[in-house]
C-alpha atoms as a PDB file:
ATOM      1  CA  MET A   1     -73.693-127.891 -24.746  1.00  0.00           C
ATOM      2  CA  LEU A   2     -74.346-127.850 -28.676  1.00  0.00           C
ATOM      3  CA  ARG A   3     -77.875-126.569 -28.407  1.00  0.00           C
ATOM      4  CA  LYS A   4     -76.752-123.803 -26.269  1.00  0.00           C
ATOM      5  CA  ALA A   5     -73.660-122.952 -28.556  1.00  0.00           C
ATOM      6  CA  ARG A   6     -76.584-122.891 -31.420  1.00  0.00           C
ATOM      7  CA  GLU A   7     -78.760-120.611 -29.496  1.00  0.00           C
ATOM      8  CA  PHE A   8     -76.053-118.175 -28.702  1.00  0.00           C
ATOM      9  CA  LEU A   9     -75.392-118.197 -32.495  1.00  0.00           C
ATOM     10  CA  ASN A  10     -78.640-117.605 -33.367  1.00  0.00           C
ATOM     11  CA  GLN A  11     -79.101-114.567 -30.872  1.00  0.00           C
ATOM     12  CA  ASN A  12     -75.609-113.333 -32.118  1.00  0.00           C
ATOM     13  CA  PRO A  13     -75.157-113.791 -35.898  1.00  0.00           C
ATOM     14  CA  LEU A  14     -73.583-110.607 -36.894  1.00  0.00           C
ATOM     15  CA  THR A  15     -69.886-111.856 -35.759  1.00  0.00           C
ATOM     16  CA  PRO A  16     -69.773-114.962 -37.883  1.00  0.00           C
ATOM     17  CA  SER A  17     -71.592-113.174 -40.740  1.00  0.00           C
ATOM     18  CA  ILE A  18     -68.674-110.429 -40.666  1.00  0.00           C
ATOM     19  CA  ALA A  19     -66.045-113.157 -40.507  1.00  0.00           C
ATOM     20  CA  VAL A  20     -67.680-115.061 -43.564  1.00  0.00           C
ATOM     21  CA  ALA A  21     -67.838-111.999 -45.599  1.00  0.00           C
ATOM     22  CA  VAL A  22     -64.318-110.803 -44.983  1.00  0.00           C
ATOM     23  CA  THR A  23     -63.083-114.273 -45.847  1.00  0.00           C
ATOM     24  CA  VAL A  24     -65.143-114.475 -49.301  1.00  0.00           C
ATOM     25  CA  LEU A  25     -63.573-111.172 -49.977  1.00  0.00           C
ATOM     26  CA  LEU A  26     -60.103-112.417 -49.522  1.00  0.00           C
ATOM     27  CA  VAL A  27     -60.813-115.289 -52.116  1.00  0.00           C
ATOM     28  CA  VAL A  28     -61.938-112.547 -54.432  1.00  0.00           C
ATOM     29  CA  GLN A  29     -58.924-110.689 -53.673  1.00  0.00           C
ATOM     30  CA  ILE A  30     -56.480-113.603 -54.273  1.00  0.00           C
ATOM     31  CA  TYR A  31     -58.132-114.060 -57.986  1.00  0.00           C
ATOM     32  CA  VAL A  32     -57.725-110.232 -58.464  1.00  0.00           C
ATOM     33  CA  ALA A  33     -54.320-109.902 -57.466  1.00  0.00           C
ATOM     34  CA  ALA A  34     -53.290-112.840 -59.634  1.00  0.00           C
ATOM     35  CA  ALA A  35     -54.758-110.907 -62.671  1.00  0.00           C
ATOM     36  CA  SER A  36     -53.631-107.383 -61.927  1.00  0.00           C
ATOM     37  CA  THR A  37     -51.703-105.839 -59.032  1.00  0.00           C
ATOM     38  CA  SER A  38     -52.813-102.347 -59.907  1.00  0.00           C
ATOM     39  CA  LEU A  39     -56.338-103.587 -59.893  1.00  0.00           C
ATOM     40  CA  PHE A  40     -56.098-104.961 -56.683  1.00  0.00           C
ATOM     41  CA  GLU A  41     -54.686-101.899 -55.249  1.00  0.00           C
ATOM     42  CA  PHE A  42     -57.252 -99.901 -56.961  1.00  0.00           C
ATOM     43  CA  LEU A  43     -60.242-101.851 -55.667  1.00  0.00           C
ATOM     44  CA  PHE A  44     -58.957-103.114 -52.014  1.00  0.00           C
ATOM     45  CA  VAL A  45     -56.289-100.708 -50.776  1.00  0.00           C
ATOM     46  CA  ALA A  46     -57.645 -97.276 -49.398  1.00  0.00           C
ATOM     47  CA  GLN A  47     -55.540 -94.799 -50.878  1.00  0.00           C
ATOM     48  CA  ALA A  48     -55.283 -90.743 -50.641  1.00  0.00           C
ATOM     49  CA  GLN A  49     -57.253 -90.730 -53.939  1.00  0.00           C
ATOM     50  CA  LEU A  50     -60.802 -91.587 -53.992  1.00  0.00           C
ATOM     51  CA  THR A  51     -61.159 -95.022 -55.154  1.00  0.00           C
ATOM     52  CA  PRO A  52     -63.085 -98.169 -54.412  1.00  0.00           C
ATOM     53  CA  GLY A  53     -60.532 -99.166 -52.080  1.00  0.00           C
ATOM     54  CA  LEU A  54     -61.871 -96.634 -49.433  1.00  0.00           C
ATOM     55  CA  LEU A  55     -64.898 -98.410 -49.347  1.00  0.00           C
ATOM     56  CA  LEU A  56     -63.618-101.985 -49.203  1.00  0.00           C
ATOM     57  CA  ALA A  57     -60.264-101.753 -47.727  1.00  0.00           C
ATOM     58  CA  PRO A  58     -61.568-101.973 -43.813  1.00  0.00           C
ATOM     59  CA  TYR A  59     -62.844-105.561 -44.943  1.00  0.00           C
ATOM     60  CA  SER A  60     -59.828-106.452 -47.107  1.00  0.00           C
ATOM     61  CA  HIS A  61     -56.769-108.211 -46.001  1.00  0.00           C
ATOM     62  CA  GLY A  62     -53.265-108.553 -47.660  1.00  0.00           C
ATOM     63  CA  SER A  63     -52.779-112.216 -46.924  1.00  0.00           C
ATOM     64  CA  VAL A  64     -54.283-115.249 -45.168  1.00  0.00           C
ATOM     65  CA  ALA A  65     -52.242-114.779 -42.007  1.00  0.00           C
ATOM     66  CA  HIS A  66     -53.427-111.157 -41.743  1.00  0.00           C
ATOM     67  CA  LEU A  67     -57.047-112.424 -42.184  1.00  0.00           C
ATOM     68  CA  ILE A  68     -56.608-115.052 -39.559  1.00  0.00           C
ATOM     69  CA  THR A  69     -55.230-112.477 -36.886  1.00  0.00           C
ATOM     70  CA  ASN A  70     -58.126-110.121 -37.281  1.00  0.00           C
ATOM     71  CA  VAL A  71     -60.757-112.924 -37.680  1.00  0.00           C
ATOM     72  CA  GLY A  72     -59.283-114.712 -34.610  1.00  0.00           C
ATOM     73  CA  LEU A  73     -59.733-111.640 -32.523  1.00  0.00           C
ATOM     74  CA  LEU A  74     -63.292-111.136 -33.939  1.00  0.00           C
ATOM     75  CA  PHE A  75     -64.216-114.648 -33.160  1.00  0.00           C
ATOM     76  CA  LEU A  76     -63.007-114.491 -29.630  1.00  0.00           C
ATOM     77  CA  PHE A  77     -64.447-111.107 -28.497  1.00  0.00           C
ATOM     78  CA  GLY A  78     -66.868-110.043 -31.261  1.00  0.00           C
ATOM     79  CA  TRP A  79     -69.313-112.435 -30.040  1.00  0.00           C
ATOM     80  CA  LEU A  80     -69.016-111.411 -26.436  1.00  0.00           C
ATOM     81  CA  CYS A  81     -69.484-107.968 -27.333  1.00  0.00           C
ATOM     82  CA  GLU A  82     -72.166-108.406 -29.389  1.00  0.00           C
ATOM     83  CA  ALA A  83     -74.033-110.293 -26.686  1.00  0.00           C
ATOM     84  CA  GLU A  84     -73.637-107.289 -24.582  1.00  0.00           C
ATOM     85  CA  MET A  85     -75.254-104.892 -27.435  1.00  0.00           C
ATOM     86  CA  THR A  86     -78.201-104.665 -29.722  1.00  0.00           C
ATOM     87  CA  SER A  87     -77.476-105.791 -33.066  1.00  0.00           C
ATOM     88  CA  ARG A  88     -77.869-102.227 -34.527  1.00  0.00           C
ATOM     89  CA  GLU A  89     -75.508-100.889 -31.761  1.00  0.00           C
ATOM     90  CA  PHE A  90     -72.826-103.601 -32.542  1.00  0.00           C
ATOM     91  CA  LEU A  91     -72.992-103.225 -36.236  1.00  0.00           C
ATOM     92  CA  GLY A  92     -72.701 -99.477 -36.160  1.00  0.00           C
ATOM     93  CA  PHE A  93     -69.598 -99.705 -33.833  1.00  0.00           C
ATOM     94  CA  VAL A  94     -67.824-102.265 -36.421  1.00  0.00           C
ATOM     95  CA  VAL A  95     -68.585-100.155 -39.479  1.00  0.00           C
ATOM     96  CA  ALA A  96     -67.996 -96.605 -37.455  1.00  0.00           C
ATOM     97  CA  VAL A  97     -64.604 -98.032 -36.157  1.00  0.00           C
ATOM     98  CA  ALA A  98     -63.618 -99.980 -39.295  1.00  0.00           C
ATOM     99  CA  TYR A  99     -64.111 -96.695 -41.711  1.00  0.00           C
ATOM    100  CA  ALA A 100     -62.994 -94.189 -39.193  1.00  0.00           C
ATOM    101  CA  SER A 101     -59.608 -96.070 -38.377  1.00  0.00           C
ATOM    102  CA  THR A 102     -58.881 -96.615 -42.015  1.00  0.00           C
ATOM    103  CA  VAL A 103     -59.489 -92.787 -42.998  1.00  0.00           C
ATOM    104  CA  ALA A 104     -57.376 -91.696 -39.847  1.00  0.00           C
ATOM    105  CA  GLN A 105     -54.442 -94.058 -41.217  1.00  0.00           C
ATOM    106  CA  VAL A 106     -54.834 -92.860 -44.768  1.00  0.00           C
ATOM    107  CA  VAL A 107     -54.991 -89.015 -43.772  1.00  0.00           C
ATOM    108  CA  ILE A 108     -52.108 -89.147 -41.486  1.00  0.00           C
ATOM    109  CA  ASP A 109     -49.969 -91.185 -43.767  1.00  0.00           C
ATOM    110  CA  ALA A 110     -50.747 -88.671 -46.791  1.00  0.00           C
ATOM    111  CA  VAL A 111     -49.999 -85.680 -44.666  1.00  0.00           C
ATOM    112  CA  LEU A 112     -46.617 -87.195 -43.249  1.00  0.00           C
ATOM    113  CA  SER A 113     -45.356 -88.871 -46.555  1.00  0.00           C
ATOM    114  CA  GLY A 114     -47.433 -87.658 -49.400  1.00  0.00           C
ATOM    115  CA  SER A 115     -48.804 -91.290 -50.074  1.00  0.00           C
ATOM    116  CA  ALA A 116     -51.052 -93.791 -48.224  1.00  0.00           C
ATOM    117  CA  GLY A 117     -52.099 -97.418 -48.776  1.00  0.00           C
ATOM    118  CA  THR A 118     -53.813 -99.504 -46.029  1.00  0.00           C
ATOM    119  CA  LEU A 119     -56.197-102.277 -45.618  1.00  0.00           C
ATOM    120  CA  GLY A 120     -57.626-104.560 -42.976  1.00  0.00           C
ATOM    121  CA  LEU A 121     -60.171-104.964 -40.378  1.00  0.00           C
ATOM    122  CA  SER A 122     -57.300-104.474 -37.603  1.00  0.00           C
ATOM    123  CA  GLY A 123     -59.075-101.369 -36.134  1.00  0.00           C
ATOM    124  CA  VAL A 124     -62.021-103.232 -35.210  1.00  0.00           C
ATOM    125  CA  ALA A 125     -59.922-106.414 -34.280  1.00  0.00           C
ATOM    126  CA  TYR A 126     -57.974-104.181 -31.742  1.00  0.00           C
ATOM    127  CA  ALA A 127     -61.177-102.534 -30.510  1.00  0.00           C
ATOM    128  CA  LEU A 128     -62.960-105.611 -29.436  1.00  0.00           C
ATOM    129  CA  PRO A 129     -60.606-106.773 -26.482  1.00  0.00           C
ATOM    130  CA  PRO A 130     -60.490-103.293 -24.449  1.00  0.00           C
ATOM    131  CA  LEU A 131     -64.362-102.877 -25.309  1.00  0.00           C
ATOM    132  CA  TYR A 132     -65.097-106.157 -23.758  1.00  0.00           C
ATOM    133  CA  ALA A 133     -62.614-105.803 -20.939  1.00  0.00           C
ATOM    134  CA  VAL A 134     -64.281-102.546 -19.984  1.00  0.00           C
ATOM    135  CA  ILE A 135     -68.164-103.129 -20.443  1.00  0.00           C
ATOM    136  CA  ARG A 136     -67.958-106.094 -18.344  1.00  0.00           C
ATOM    137  CA  LEU A 137     -65.801-104.645 -15.457  1.00  0.00           C
ATOM    138  CA  PRO A 138     -68.800-103.938 -13.395  1.00  0.00           C
ATOM    139  CA  GLU A 139     -69.684-107.606 -13.386  1.00  0.00           C
ATOM    140  CA  ILE A 140     -66.711-108.689 -11.531  1.00  0.00           C
ATOM    141  CA  ARG A 141     -68.118-107.078  -8.274  1.00  0.00           C
ATOM    142  CA  ASP A 142     -70.971-109.535  -8.565  1.00  0.00           C
ATOM    143  CA  LYS A 143     -71.143-112.534  -6.757  1.00  0.00           C
ATOM    144  CA  GLY A 144     -72.723-114.566  -9.696  1.00  0.00           C
ATOM    145  CA  THR A 145     -69.792-114.461 -12.048  1.00  0.00           C
ATOM    146  CA  ASN A 146     -68.390-117.944 -13.080  1.00  0.00           C
ATOM    147  CA  ALA A 147     -64.988-119.491 -14.083  1.00  0.00           C
ATOM    148  CA  SER A 148     -65.610-119.379 -17.846  1.00  0.00           C
ATOM    149  CA  PHE A 149     -66.516-115.713 -17.532  1.00  0.00           C
ATOM    150  CA  ILE A 150     -63.570-114.758 -15.311  1.00  0.00           C
ATOM    151  CA  GLU A 151     -61.269-116.600 -17.861  1.00  0.00           C
ATOM    152  CA  MET A 152     -62.645-114.618 -20.963  1.00  0.00           C
ATOM    153  CA  TRP A 153     -62.636-111.282 -19.259  1.00  0.00           C
ATOM    154  CA  GLY A 154     -59.256-111.808 -17.831  1.00  0.00           C
ATOM    155  CA  SER A 155     -58.090-112.983 -21.362  1.00  0.00           C
ATOM    156  CA  ALA A 156     -59.546-109.591 -22.811  1.00  0.00           C
ATOM    157  CA  VAL A 157     -57.694-107.570 -19.936  1.00  0.00           C
ATOM    158  CA  VAL A 158     -54.269-109.145 -20.744  1.00  0.00           C
ATOM    159  CA  LEU A 159     -54.729-108.456 -24.396  1.00  0.00           C
ATOM    160  CA  SER A 160     -55.700-105.029 -23.725  1.00  0.00           C
ATOM    161  CA  VAL A 161     -52.556-104.445 -21.848  1.00  0.00           C
ATOM    162  CA  LEU A 162     -50.301-105.870 -24.291  1.00  0.00           C
ATOM    163  CA  ILE A 163     -51.973-104.253 -27.303  1.00  0.00           C
ATOM    164  CA  PRO A 164     -49.888-101.054 -26.786  1.00  0.00           C
ATOM    165  CA  PHE A 165     -46.746-102.883 -26.327  1.00  0.00           C
ATOM    166  CA  ILE A 166     -47.481-104.626 -29.426  1.00  0.00           C
ATOM    167  CA  MET A 167     -48.077-101.444 -31.421  1.00  0.00           C
ATOM    168  CA  ALA A 168     -44.882-100.169 -30.062  1.00  0.00           C
ATOM    169  CA  GLY A 169     -42.818-103.028 -31.050  1.00  0.00           C
ATOM    170  CA  ILE A 170     -41.885-104.062 -27.782  1.00  0.00           C
ATOM    171  CA  VAL A 171     -43.852-107.432 -27.800  1.00  0.00           C
ATOM    172  CA  PRO A 172     -43.281-109.036 -31.092  1.00  0.00           C
ATOM    173  CA  LEU A 173     -46.817-110.408 -31.853  1.00  0.00           C
ATOM    174  CA  ASN A 174     -47.694-108.335 -34.883  1.00  0.00           C
ATOM    175  CA  LEU A 175     -47.823-110.626 -37.896  1.00  0.00           C
ATOM    176  CA  SER A 176     -47.515-107.710 -40.235  1.00  0.00           C
ATOM    177  CA  SER A 177     -43.968-107.322 -39.226  1.00  0.00           C
ATOM    178  CA  TYR A 178     -43.229-110.884 -40.167  1.00  0.00           C
ATOM    179  CA  MET A 179     -45.002-110.606 -43.446  1.00  0.00           C
ATOM    180  CA  GLY A 180     -42.815-107.683 -44.418  1.00  0.00           C
ATOM    181  CA  ALA A 181     -45.615-105.296 -44.198  1.00  0.00           C
ATOM    182  CA  GLU A 182     -45.572-101.906 -42.311  1.00  0.00           C
ATOM    183  CA  PRO A 183     -48.117-102.258 -39.295  1.00  0.00           C
ATOM    184  CA  ALA A 184     -50.956 -99.681 -39.791  1.00  0.00           C
ATOM    185  CA  LYS A 185     -50.285 -98.040 -36.247  1.00  0.00           C
ATOM    186  CA  VAL A 186     -52.671 -95.446 -36.606  1.00  0.00           C
ATOM    187  CA  THR A 187     -55.515 -97.924 -37.267  1.00  0.00           C
ATOM    188  CA  HIS A 188     -54.431-100.195 -34.512  1.00  0.00           C
ATOM    189  CA  SER A 189     -54.287 -97.162 -32.139  1.00  0.00           C
ATOM    190  CA  PHE A 190     -57.530 -95.644 -33.337  1.00  0.00           C
ATOM    191  CA  GLY A 191     -59.282 -99.002 -32.869  1.00  0.00           C
ATOM    192  CA  PHE A 192     -58.001 -99.726 -29.435  1.00  0.00           C
ATOM    193  CA  LEU A 193     -58.637 -96.244 -28.080  1.00  0.00           C
ATOM    194  CA  ALA A 194     -62.221 -96.439 -29.543  1.00  0.00           C
ATOM    195  CA  GLY A 195     -62.960 -99.553 -27.712  1.00  0.00           C
ATOM    196  CA  LEU A 196     -61.736 -98.179 -24.344  1.00  0.00           C
ATOM    197  CA  LEU A 197     -63.607 -95.057 -24.861  1.00  0.00           C
ATOM    198  CA  TYR A 198     -66.958 -96.466 -26.275  1.00  0.00           C
ATOM    199  CA  GLY A 199     -66.671 -99.027 -23.263  1.00  0.00           C
ATOM    200  CA  THR A 200     -66.254 -96.469 -20.958  1.00  0.00           C
ATOM    201  CA  VAL A 201     -69.150 -94.264 -21.997  1.00  0.00           C
ATOM    202  CA  LYS A 202     -71.454 -97.571 -22.049  1.00  0.00           C
ATOM    203  CA  ILE A 203     -70.594 -98.394 -18.257  1.00  0.00           C
ATOM    204  CA  THR A 204     -70.769 -94.817 -17.285  1.00  0.00           C
ATOM    205  CA  SER A 205     -74.166 -94.341 -18.923  1.00  0.00           C
ATOM    206  CA  ARG A 206     -76.076 -97.182 -17.299  1.00  0.00           C
ATOM    207  CA  PRO A 207     -76.989 -97.934 -13.890  1.00  0.00           C
ATOM    208  CA  SER A 208     -74.951-100.400 -11.950  1.00  0.00           C
ATOM    209  CA  ARG A 209     -76.565-103.611 -10.689  1.00  0.00           C
ATOM    210  CA  ARG A 210     -76.119-102.362  -7.275  1.00  0.00           C
ATOM    211  CA  SER A 211     -77.921 -99.021  -7.532  1.00  0.00           C
ATOM    212  CA  GLU A 212     -80.708-101.040  -9.401  1.00  0.00           C
ATOM    213  CA  SER A 213     -80.782-103.593  -6.372  1.00  0.00           C
ATOM    214  CA  ARG A 214     -80.919-100.544  -3.997  1.00  0.00           C
ATOM    215  CA  ARG A 215     -83.642 -98.755  -5.949  1.00  0.00           C
ATOM    216  CA  SER A 216     -85.792-102.053  -5.929  1.00  0.00           C
ATOM    217  CA  ALA A 217     -85.233-102.604  -2.205  1.00  0.00           C
ATOM    218  CA  ASP A 218     -86.330 -98.919  -1.646  1.00  0.00           C
ATOM    219  CA  ALA A 219     -89.247 -99.565  -3.530  1.00  0.00           C
ATOM    220  CA  ASP A 220     -89.952-102.735  -1.358  1.00  0.00           C
END
């Protein structure tokens, strides 16, 4: 069991690397915030102005609870998604969703209220459950699926169904609300839709196992 876990970790190193990086960054943020709130916002919060925050905000967090929520989803489903993609594809997806969802939040906030301020990896965290649920959907039809696979896929499906209700405030599971912060609804929505869309593109652009088996049977 331990050897299999080590092999899986070696084959899919990006997820834990991202988790470690954002955790280290939070430690830096805590020290900076203690020294200067304005410097913290300048460096780590994405605003309507061009600041270093636009670069660092997607990987920064407002609190330990905020970090735990996002890293928790990253650990649960990031590894699983990474295992289904090449390293370059997975990293590209994470970076693209992280920045695009952050920029979308800033632009819409700036247009609607004239000011903006957001941070966090929530866009990516909300993208991973629907991404995994969709890209593994064809596997459900295969007889070779095992109980652990069904359990993880089912968890991804349930969470994907819950996310829209969480974003709407119907299901009170958004920790930002309990921390007195306004949830980044645009970031969350963008990430969720990005996961659904990219997963759909992946399964529609690759041949199913059934069609592959039919081709091999025809070749025989």
